[in-house]
Amino acid sequence: MAEPAPRPALTPSVFYRDPKAALDWLEKAFGFERSMVITDQDGNLAHSEMRVGDGLIYVGSEWTDSVASPASVGGKNTQSIHVHLHHGIDEHCARARAAGAAILQGPSDQFYGDRTYRASDPEGHVWVFGQTVRQVSREEAEQASGLKIEGWM
């Protein structure tokens, strides 16, 4: 029996009105890979997992009144999901745009050394993609931003 892929210490979940369509879209737009899909006897999605690099995300349905897609609550988000890429952020953004992602902020360099972009999926979840493009010290980041930074690695 093959060893299962290691599980990260933290795994976010996103909920969709149409989770099966979301799985297809997340593959096409962001390059995520399905690692587990569980359906019930009626063919409804019961649970799914997708991998991106060494990360994992659960994709599910609106299974109770307290679990909703942004599409069901007027587009409101209470969080966004950050995905760190090791290379190709501009190409990744172009792929997402071609798949129909709303690009909320195009790729731009940040004071802390990453290049990032923000996108919204068809149901309104906000995704932030980042790639480290240069190493920056805490002091350099503070000087560039005018902010006081604690806990810099």
N, C-alpha and C. Protein backbone atom coordinates (compact mmCIF):
# COMPACT_ATOMS: atom_id res chain seq x y z
N MET A 1 0.83 -1.17 0.00
CA MET A 1 0.00 0.00 0.00
C MET A 1 0.88 1.24 0.00
N ALA A 2 0.54 2.20 -0.86
CA ALA A 2 1.31 3.43 -0.97
C ALA A 2 1.12 4.29 0.27
N GLU A 3 2.18 4.97 0.66
CA GLU A 3 2.10 5.90 1.78
C GLU A 3 1.31 7.12 1.36
N PRO A 4 0.38 7.58 2.19
CA PRO A 4 -0.35 8.81 1.84
C PRO A 4 0.56 10.02 1.91
N ALA A 5 0.22 11.04 1.14
CA ALA A 5 0.99 12.27 1.18
C ALA A 5 0.89 12.87 2.57
N PRO A 6 1.95 13.50 3.06
CA PRO A 6 1.89 14.11 4.39
C PRO A 6 0.83 15.20 4.45
N ARG A 7 0.24 15.35 5.61
CA ARG A 7 -0.79 16.36 5.82
C ARG A 7 -0.16 17.58 6.49
N PRO A 8 -0.47 18.77 5.96
CA PRO A 8 0.04 19.98 6.62
C PRO A 8 -0.64 20.18 7.98
N ALA A 9 -0.03 20.96 8.83
CA ALA A 9 -0.60 21.22 10.15
C ALA A 9 -1.88 22.03 10.07
N LEU A 10 -2.07 22.79 9.02
CA LEU A 10 -3.23 23.65 8.86
C LEU A 10 -3.77 23.45 7.44
N THR A 11 -5.06 23.17 7.34
CA THR A 11 -5.69 22.98 6.04
C THR A 11 -6.97 23.80 5.97
N PRO A 12 -7.02 24.82 5.11
CA PRO A 12 -8.26 25.59 4.97
C PRO A 12 -9.31 24.82 4.19
N SER A 13 -10.56 25.21 4.39
CA SER A 13 -11.69 24.66 3.65
C SER A 13 -12.42 25.80 2.98
N VAL A 14 -12.87 25.58 1.75
CA VAL A 14 -13.69 26.55 1.05
C VAL A 14 -14.98 25.86 0.64
N PHE A 15 -16.08 26.60 0.69
CA PHE A 15 -17.39 26.03 0.44
C PHE A 15 -18.01 26.68 -0.78
N TYR A 16 -18.66 25.87 -1.59
CA TYR A 16 -19.24 26.31 -2.85
C TYR A 16 -20.68 25.84 -2.98
N ARG A 17 -21.45 26.61 -3.71
CA ARG A 17 -22.79 26.18 -4.10
C ARG A 17 -22.68 24.95 -5.00
N ASP A 18 -21.71 25.00 -5.92
CA ASP A 18 -21.48 23.90 -6.86
C ASP A 18 -20.05 23.41 -6.72
N PRO A 19 -19.79 22.55 -5.73
CA PRO A 19 -18.40 22.15 -5.47
C PRO A 19 -17.78 21.31 -6.59
N LYS A 20 -18.58 20.56 -7.32
CA LYS A 20 -18.00 19.78 -8.43
C LYS A 20 -17.48 20.72 -9.51
N ALA A 21 -18.23 21.77 -9.82
CA ALA A 21 -17.76 22.76 -10.79
C ALA A 21 -16.52 23.46 -10.25
N ALA A 22 -16.48 23.71 -8.95
CA ALA A 22 -15.32 24.36 -8.34
C ALA A 22 -14.07 23.51 -8.50
N LEU A 23 -14.18 22.21 -8.32
CA LEU A 23 -13.02 21.33 -8.50
C LEU A 23 -12.46 21.48 -9.91
N ASP A 24 -13.35 21.44 -10.90
CA ASP A 24 -12.92 21.59 -12.29
C ASP A 24 -12.25 22.94 -12.51
N TRP A 25 -12.87 24.00 -11.99
CA TRP A 25 -12.36 25.34 -12.20
C TRP A 25 -11.01 25.54 -11.50
N LEU A 26 -10.89 25.08 -10.28
CA LEU A 26 -9.63 25.23 -9.53
C LEU A 26 -8.48 24.50 -10.22
N GLU A 27 -8.78 23.37 -10.86
CA GLU A 27 -7.75 22.67 -11.65
C GLU A 27 -7.35 23.52 -12.86
N LYS A 28 -8.34 23.98 -13.59
CA LYS A 28 -8.09 24.72 -14.82
C LYS A 28 -7.41 26.06 -14.56
N ALA A 29 -7.93 26.81 -13.61
CA ALA A 29 -7.45 28.18 -13.37
C ALA A 29 -6.16 28.24 -12.57
N PHE A 30 -6.07 27.47 -11.50
CA PHE A 30 -4.96 27.59 -10.58
C PHE A 30 -3.99 26.41 -10.60
N GLY A 31 -4.34 25.35 -11.33
CA GLY A 31 -3.44 24.19 -11.40
C GLY A 31 -3.48 23.29 -10.18
N PHE A 32 -4.52 23.43 -9.34
CA PHE A 32 -4.64 22.54 -8.19
C PHE A 32 -4.92 21.12 -8.69
N GLU A 33 -4.54 20.12 -7.90
CA GLU A 33 -4.73 18.72 -8.28
C GLU A 33 -5.63 18.03 -7.28
N ARG A 34 -6.63 17.32 -7.77
CA ARG A 34 -7.49 16.53 -6.88
C ARG A 34 -6.68 15.41 -6.26
N SER A 35 -6.77 15.29 -4.96
CA SER A 35 -6.08 14.19 -4.29
C SER A 35 -7.07 13.24 -3.62
N MET A 36 -8.31 13.71 -3.39
CA MET A 36 -9.36 12.85 -2.84
C MET A 36 -10.72 13.45 -3.18
N VAL A 37 -11.62 12.61 -3.67
CA VAL A 37 -13.00 13.04 -3.92
C VAL A 37 -13.90 11.92 -3.42
N ILE A 38 -14.79 12.27 -2.51
CA ILE A 38 -15.73 11.31 -1.93
C ILE A 38 -17.14 11.78 -2.28
N THR A 39 -17.92 10.88 -2.88
CA THR A 39 -19.31 11.20 -3.21
C THR A 39 -20.24 10.26 -2.46
N ASP A 40 -21.46 10.73 -2.24
CA ASP A 40 -22.46 9.89 -1.57
C ASP A 40 -23.18 9.01 -2.59
N GLN A 41 -24.15 8.25 -2.13
CA GLN A 41 -24.87 7.32 -2.99
C GLN A 41 -25.65 8.03 -4.10
N ASP A 42 -25.93 9.32 -3.94
CA ASP A 42 -26.64 10.09 -4.96
C ASP A 42 -25.69 10.84 -5.90
N GLY A 43 -24.40 10.66 -5.70
CA GLY A 43 -23.40 11.34 -6.54
C GLY A 43 -23.04 12.73 -6.08
N ASN A 44 -23.56 13.15 -4.92
CA ASN A 44 -23.22 14.46 -4.38
C ASN A 44 -21.85 14.42 -3.72
N LEU A 45 -21.15 15.53 -3.82
CA LEU A 45 -19.83 15.62 -3.20
C LEU A 45 -19.97 15.60 -1.68
N ALA A 46 -19.32 14.65 -1.03
CA ALA A 46 -19.33 14.57 0.43
C ALA A 46 -18.07 15.20 1.02
N HIS A 47 -16.95 15.08 0.30
CA HIS A 47 -15.67 15.63 0.77
C HIS A 47 -14.71 15.60 -0.40
N SER A 48 -13.85 16.61 -0.48
CA SER A 48 -12.78 16.56 -1.48
C SER A 48 -11.56 17.32 -0.97
N GLU A 49 -10.43 16.93 -1.51
CA GLU A 49 -9.16 17.54 -1.15
C GLU A 49 -8.39 17.82 -2.43
N MET A 50 -7.71 18.96 -2.45
CA MET A 50 -6.88 19.33 -3.58
C MET A 50 -5.50 19.71 -3.06
N ARG A 51 -4.49 19.40 -3.85
CA ARG A 51 -3.11 19.72 -3.52
C ARG A 51 -2.59 20.80 -4.44
N VAL A 52 -1.74 21.63 -3.87
CA VAL A 52 -0.97 22.60 -4.63
C VAL A 52 0.39 22.66 -3.95
N GLY A 53 1.42 22.25 -4.65
CA GLY A 53 2.73 22.15 -4.03
C GLY A 53 2.65 21.25 -2.81
N ASP A 54 3.16 21.74 -1.68
CA ASP A 54 3.08 20.94 -0.44
C ASP A 54 1.86 21.31 0.39
N GLY A 55 0.93 22.07 -0.21
CA GLY A 55 -0.28 22.50 0.50
C GLY A 55 -1.48 21.64 0.17
N LEU A 56 -2.48 21.78 1.00
CA LEU A 56 -3.72 21.02 0.87
C LEU A 56 -4.88 21.95 1.17
N ILE A 57 -5.97 21.79 0.43
CA ILE A 57 -7.19 22.55 0.69
C ILE A 57 -8.38 21.62 0.53
N TYR A 58 -9.35 21.78 1.40
CA TYR A 58 -10.60 21.04 1.29
C TYR A 58 -11.59 21.89 0.50
N VAL A 59 -12.32 21.26 -0.39
CA VAL A 59 -13.35 21.93 -1.16
C VAL A 59 -14.66 21.20 -0.87
N GLY A 60 -15.65 21.95 -0.37
CA GLY A 60 -16.90 21.32 0.02
C GLY A 60 -18.12 22.12 -0.41
N SER A 61 -19.25 21.60 -0.01
CA SER A 61 -20.53 22.22 -0.36
C SER A 61 -21.09 22.99 0.82
N GLU A 62 -22.16 23.71 0.56
CA GLU A 62 -22.90 24.41 1.61
C GLU A 62 -23.78 23.37 2.30
N TRP A 63 -23.24 22.74 3.31
CA TRP A 63 -23.91 21.59 3.92
C TRP A 63 -24.77 21.94 5.12
N THR A 64 -24.71 23.17 5.60
CA THR A 64 -25.54 23.63 6.71
C THR A 64 -25.77 25.13 6.56
N ASP A 65 -26.73 25.67 7.29
CA ASP A 65 -27.04 27.10 7.18
C ASP A 65 -25.86 28.00 7.56
N SER A 66 -24.95 27.49 8.37
CA SER A 66 -23.83 28.32 8.83
C SER A 66 -22.60 28.21 7.92
N VAL A 67 -22.69 27.44 6.84
CA VAL A 67 -21.57 27.25 5.91
C VAL A 67 -22.02 27.71 4.53
N ALA A 68 -21.39 28.79 4.01
CA ALA A 68 -21.87 29.35 2.76
C ALA A 68 -20.72 29.81 1.87
N SER A 69 -21.00 29.79 0.60
CA SER A 69 -20.13 30.38 -0.41
C SER A 69 -20.35 31.89 -0.39
N PRO A 70 -19.34 32.68 -0.75
CA PRO A 70 -19.58 34.11 -0.88
C PRO A 70 -20.74 34.42 -1.84
N ALA A 71 -20.95 33.54 -2.82
CA ALA A 71 -22.05 33.74 -3.77
C ALA A 71 -23.41 33.71 -3.09
N SER A 72 -23.49 33.07 -1.93
CA SER A 72 -24.75 32.97 -1.20
C SER A 72 -24.93 34.06 -0.16
N VAL A 73 -23.91 34.88 0.07
CA VAL A 73 -23.99 35.93 1.08
C VAL A 73 -23.59 37.29 0.49
N GLY A 74 -24.04 37.54 -0.71
CA GLY A 74 -23.79 38.83 -1.34
C GLY A 74 -22.34 39.11 -1.68
N GLY A 75 -21.54 38.06 -1.86
CA GLY A 75 -20.13 38.23 -2.23
C GLY A 75 -19.20 38.53 -1.08
N LYS A 76 -19.71 38.50 0.15
CA LYS A 76 -18.86 38.79 1.31
C LYS A 76 -17.87 37.66 1.57
N ASN A 77 -16.68 38.04 2.00
CA ASN A 77 -15.63 37.11 2.40
C ASN A 77 -15.22 37.47 3.82
N THR A 78 -14.95 36.46 4.62
CA THR A 78 -14.40 36.71 5.95
C THR A 78 -12.93 36.31 6.00
N GLN A 79 -12.41 35.85 4.88
CA GLN A 79 -11.01 35.45 4.80
C GLN A 79 -10.60 35.41 3.34
N SER A 80 -9.30 35.32 3.12
CA SER A 80 -8.77 35.02 1.80
C SER A 80 -7.76 33.90 1.99
N ILE A 81 -7.40 33.28 0.92
CA ILE A 81 -6.46 32.16 0.98
C ILE A 81 -5.20 32.57 0.25
N HIS A 82 -4.06 32.43 0.93
CA HIS A 82 -2.78 32.76 0.32
C HIS A 82 -2.09 31.47 -0.12
N VAL A 83 -1.61 31.47 -1.37
CA VAL A 83 -0.89 30.33 -1.93
C VAL A 83 0.48 30.83 -2.36
N HIS A 84 1.53 30.19 -1.83
CA HIS A 84 2.89 30.57 -2.19
C HIS A 84 3.35 29.73 -3.38
N LEU A 85 3.76 30.41 -4.43
CA LEU A 85 4.30 29.74 -5.61
C LEU A 85 5.81 29.86 -5.60
N HIS A 86 6.48 28.87 -6.16
CA HIS A 86 7.94 28.92 -6.20
C HIS A 86 8.45 29.59 -7.47
N HIS A 87 7.62 29.65 -8.51
CA HIS A 87 8.03 30.28 -9.77
C HIS A 87 6.79 30.54 -10.63
N GLY A 88 6.96 31.40 -11.62
CA GLY A 88 5.95 31.60 -12.65
C GLY A 88 4.70 32.34 -12.25
N ILE A 89 4.80 33.32 -11.37
CA ILE A 89 3.58 34.00 -10.89
C ILE A 89 2.86 34.77 -12.01
N ASP A 90 3.59 35.39 -12.90
CA ASP A 90 2.93 36.13 -13.98
C ASP A 90 2.18 35.19 -14.91
N GLU A 91 2.78 34.05 -15.22
CA GLU A 91 2.12 33.05 -16.05
C GLU A 91 0.91 32.46 -15.33
N HIS A 92 1.05 32.27 -14.02
CA HIS A 92 -0.07 31.74 -13.23
C HIS A 92 -1.25 32.70 -13.29
N CYS A 93 -0.98 33.98 -13.17
CA CYS A 93 -2.04 34.99 -13.25
C CYS A 93 -2.70 34.96 -14.63
N ALA A 94 -1.90 34.85 -15.67
CA ALA A 94 -2.46 34.80 -17.03
C ALA A 94 -3.35 33.57 -17.20
N ARG A 95 -2.94 32.44 -16.64
CA ARG A 95 -3.74 31.21 -16.70
C ARG A 95 -5.07 31.42 -15.98
N ALA A 96 -5.01 32.00 -14.78
CA ALA A 96 -6.22 32.25 -14.01
C ALA A 96 -7.16 33.19 -14.76
N ARG A 97 -6.61 34.25 -15.32
CA ARG A 97 -7.42 35.21 -16.08
C ARG A 97 -8.09 34.52 -17.27
N ALA A 98 -7.34 33.70 -17.99
CA ALA A 98 -7.88 32.99 -19.15
C ALA A 98 -9.00 32.03 -18.76
N ALA A 99 -8.95 31.52 -17.54
CA ALA A 99 -9.98 30.59 -17.05
C ALA A 99 -11.19 31.32 -16.48
N GLY A 100 -11.14 32.65 -16.46
CA GLY A 100 -12.29 33.42 -15.99
C GLY A 100 -12.17 34.00 -14.61
N ALA A 101 -10.99 33.93 -14.00
CA ALA A 101 -10.81 34.56 -12.69
C ALA A 101 -10.91 36.07 -12.83
N ALA A 102 -11.55 36.71 -11.88
CA ALA A 102 -11.54 38.17 -11.81
C ALA A 102 -10.24 38.56 -11.13
N ILE A 103 -9.38 39.26 -11.82
CA ILE A 103 -8.10 39.66 -11.24
C ILE A 103 -8.35 40.97 -10.48
N LEU A 104 -8.30 40.88 -9.16
CA LEU A 104 -8.58 42.02 -8.29
C LEU A 104 -7.38 42.94 -8.17
N GLN A 105 -6.18 42.36 -8.28
CA GLN A 105 -4.92 43.12 -8.26
C GLN A 105 -3.95 42.34 -9.11
N GLY A 106 -3.44 42.96 -10.15
CA GLY A 106 -2.48 42.28 -11.01
C GLY A 106 -1.16 42.07 -10.30
N PRO A 107 -0.29 41.25 -10.88
CA PRO A 107 1.00 40.98 -10.26
C PRO A 107 1.78 42.27 -9.99
N SER A 108 2.22 42.41 -8.75
CA SER A 108 3.01 43.58 -8.38
C SER A 108 3.98 43.21 -7.27
N ASP A 109 5.12 43.86 -7.28
CA ASP A 109 6.16 43.61 -6.28
C ASP A 109 5.77 44.30 -4.97
N GLN A 110 6.03 43.59 -3.87
CA GLN A 110 5.69 44.08 -2.54
C GLN A 110 6.97 44.45 -1.78
N PHE A 111 6.83 45.31 -0.79
CA PHE A 111 7.98 45.79 -0.02
C PHE A 111 8.71 44.68 0.72
N TYR A 112 8.04 43.57 0.99
CA TYR A 112 8.64 42.48 1.76
C TYR A 112 9.32 41.43 0.87
N GLY A 113 9.40 41.68 -0.45
CA GLY A 113 10.18 40.82 -1.33
C GLY A 113 9.38 39.85 -2.17
N ASP A 114 8.07 39.81 -2.01
CA ASP A 114 7.23 38.93 -2.82
C ASP A 114 6.59 39.71 -3.96
N ARG A 115 6.25 38.99 -4.99
CA ARG A 115 5.41 39.49 -6.07
C ARG A 115 4.07 38.79 -5.89
N THR A 116 2.98 39.53 -5.84
CA THR A 116 1.68 38.94 -5.54
C THR A 116 0.63 39.39 -6.54
N TYR A 117 -0.45 38.57 -6.61
CA TYR A 117 -1.66 39.01 -7.29
C TYR A 117 -2.85 38.45 -6.54
N ARG A 118 -4.01 39.10 -6.72
CA ARG A 118 -5.25 38.69 -6.07
C ARG A 118 -6.27 38.37 -7.15
N ALA A 119 -7.01 37.29 -6.90
CA ALA A 119 -8.03 36.85 -7.86
C ALA A 119 -9.27 36.39 -7.11
N SER A 120 -10.39 36.49 -7.80
CA SER A 120 -11.66 36.01 -7.26
C SER A 120 -12.15 34.90 -8.18
N ASP A 121 -12.61 33.80 -7.57
CA ASP A 121 -13.12 32.68 -8.37
C ASP A 121 -14.59 32.93 -8.73
N PRO A 122 -15.20 32.05 -9.51
CA PRO A 122 -16.57 32.30 -9.96
C PRO A 122 -17.62 32.47 -8.85
N GLU A 123 -17.35 31.94 -7.65
CA GLU A 123 -18.30 32.12 -6.55
C GLU A 123 -17.86 33.20 -5.57
N GLY A 124 -16.77 33.90 -5.87
CA GLY A 124 -16.38 35.05 -5.07
C GLY A 124 -15.33 34.83 -4.00
N HIS A 125 -14.75 33.64 -3.87
CA HIS A 125 -13.66 33.46 -2.92
C HIS A 125 -12.45 34.25 -3.40
N VAL A 126 -11.74 34.88 -2.48
CA VAL A 126 -10.56 35.67 -2.82
C VAL A 126 -9.31 34.83 -2.57
N TRP A 127 -8.49 34.74 -3.58
CA TRP A 127 -7.24 33.99 -3.55
C TRP A 127 -6.09 34.96 -3.76
N VAL A 128 -5.04 34.83 -2.96
CA VAL A 128 -3.84 35.64 -3.11
C VAL A 128 -2.70 34.70 -3.43
N PHE A 129 -2.00 34.98 -4.51
CA PHE A 129 -0.85 34.17 -4.90
C PHE A 129 0.39 35.02 -4.78
N GLY A 130 1.44 34.44 -4.20
CA GLY A 130 2.68 35.17 -4.01
C GLY A 130 3.88 34.32 -4.38
N GLN A 131 4.93 34.99 -4.80
CA GLN A 131 6.19 34.35 -5.12
C GLN A 131 7.31 35.25 -4.60
N THR A 132 8.24 34.69 -3.86
CA THR A 132 9.38 35.47 -3.39
C THR A 132 10.28 35.77 -4.58
N VAL A 133 10.53 37.05 -4.82
CA VAL A 133 11.38 37.44 -5.94
C VAL A 133 12.70 38.06 -5.49
N ARG A 134 12.76 38.47 -4.20
CA ARG A 134 14.01 38.98 -3.66
C ARG A 134 13.99 38.86 -2.14
N GLN A 135 15.16 38.67 -1.57
CA GLN A 135 15.29 38.58 -0.13
C GLN A 135 15.40 39.99 0.44
N VAL A 136 14.61 40.26 1.47
CA VAL A 136 14.58 41.59 2.08
C VAL A 136 14.76 41.42 3.58
N SER A 137 15.58 42.24 4.18
CA SER A 137 15.74 42.21 5.63
C SER A 137 14.57 42.93 6.28
N ARG A 138 14.37 42.69 7.57
CA ARG A 138 13.33 43.39 8.30
C ARG A 138 13.53 44.89 8.23
N GLU A 139 14.76 45.31 8.38
CA GLU A 139 15.07 46.74 8.34
C GLU A 139 14.71 47.35 6.98
N GLU A 140 15.04 46.63 5.91
CA GLU A 140 14.70 47.12 4.57
C GLU A 140 13.19 47.20 4.38
N ALA A 141 12.48 46.20 4.88
CA ALA A 141 11.01 46.20 4.76
C ALA A 141 10.41 47.34 5.57
N GLU A 142 10.93 47.58 6.77
CA GLU A 142 10.42 48.69 7.58
C GLU A 142 10.68 50.02 6.89
N GLN A 143 11.88 50.19 6.35
CA GLN A 143 12.22 51.45 5.69
C GLN A 143 11.33 51.66 4.46
N ALA A 144 11.11 50.62 3.67
CA ALA A 144 10.32 50.74 2.45
C ALA A 144 8.83 50.98 2.74
N SER A 145 8.34 50.43 3.86
CA SER A 145 6.91 50.51 4.15
C SER A 145 6.53 51.59 5.15
N GLY A 146 7.49 52.00 5.98
CA GLY A 146 7.17 52.93 7.06
C GLY A 146 6.48 52.25 8.23
N LEU A 147 6.47 50.93 8.24
CA LEU A 147 5.80 50.15 9.30
C LEU A 147 6.82 49.60 10.28
N LYS A 148 6.40 49.34 11.52
CA LYS A 148 7.22 48.63 12.49
C LYS A 148 6.87 47.15 12.38
N ILE A 149 7.86 46.30 12.18
CA ILE A 149 7.62 44.88 11.94
C ILE A 149 8.25 44.06 13.06
N GLU A 150 7.49 43.20 13.66
CA GLU A 150 7.99 42.27 14.67
C GLU A 150 7.87 40.85 14.13
N GLY A 151 8.75 39.97 14.57
CA GLY A 151 8.67 38.56 14.19
C GLY A 151 9.12 38.24 12.79
N TRP A 152 9.95 39.08 12.21
CA TRP A 152 10.45 38.88 10.85
C TRP A 152 11.36 37.66 10.83
N MET A 153 11.22 36.88 9.83
CA MET A 153 12.09 35.68 9.70
C MET A 153 13.23 35.95 8.77
